[in-house]
Every structure is written in structure tokens, then in C-alpha cells.
Amino acid sequence: MELAVNFAVRQELVIERELPLPFVDGLLKSTNGVRNKYQNLFLPIMAEYEEFDALKRLWKTHIEPINKQRNAVAHSGEFRSRSAAEKVMIDTYGGLLEIMKLYDLGDELEQFQK
């Protein structure tokens, strides 16, 4: 998910707004984790677009739950059941699909649907 957010930030800042890639990469490096990148970079960039409200909801419905599970495993050494892992995969797919659709790449992911 974090890589998808990196992609989206680069699309918006480098491709759409023509900012220098080294500058944008510096922003991405200084914002650690999907939460900071999504909440502090991507959402503010997208505030002027009609998709903004849907992207705010996407955080609550898909990305935040993924991030919570990831942090519990990566930082606390917790284990998850198969059903919990499957839920994370479903949320990941949903989040990726929504972000990639913004850049007309959602069809590329549909082949991976369960």
C-alpha cells in the first residue's frame, strides 16, 4: 500500500505539477510510513479534486485497517490468523484498486481479483 501511495504522490507532483523528482523523492523519504504519506502528503495534494471525499473514506475503510495490522505484526511481533491475513489482502486490493483507478490503471489490477 505504501508503494501505491508513493506512486500516486509522484504522479501528482512530478507528472501533473512538474516538480523535480529529487524534491518529491525527498518528501517521500522524510514522511515515514503509509499513514504519514497518505495523511500528510497525498490527501492534501488531492484536496482540490472531486475524489477527495472518497479518498478520505478509503483511509478509514481500507488503508488504516491495513496499517494497524501491519504495525502490530512488524513492530510488536504479533501473529495473525489466516482469516485476519485474508482481510488485510482484501483491504489491500480494494485500496490499490481505488488509487490506481485515479491514474487509469485499475484495469491492470482486476486480473488479480479473488
Foldseek 3Di string as FASTA:
>chain_A
DLVLLLVLLCCLCCVVVNDDPVVSVVVSVVQDDPCRSLVVGVLVSCVVPPCNVVSVVLCVPAVVLLRVVVCCCPPVVDDDDPVSVVSNVVSVLVSSLVSVVVVVCNVVSPVVDD
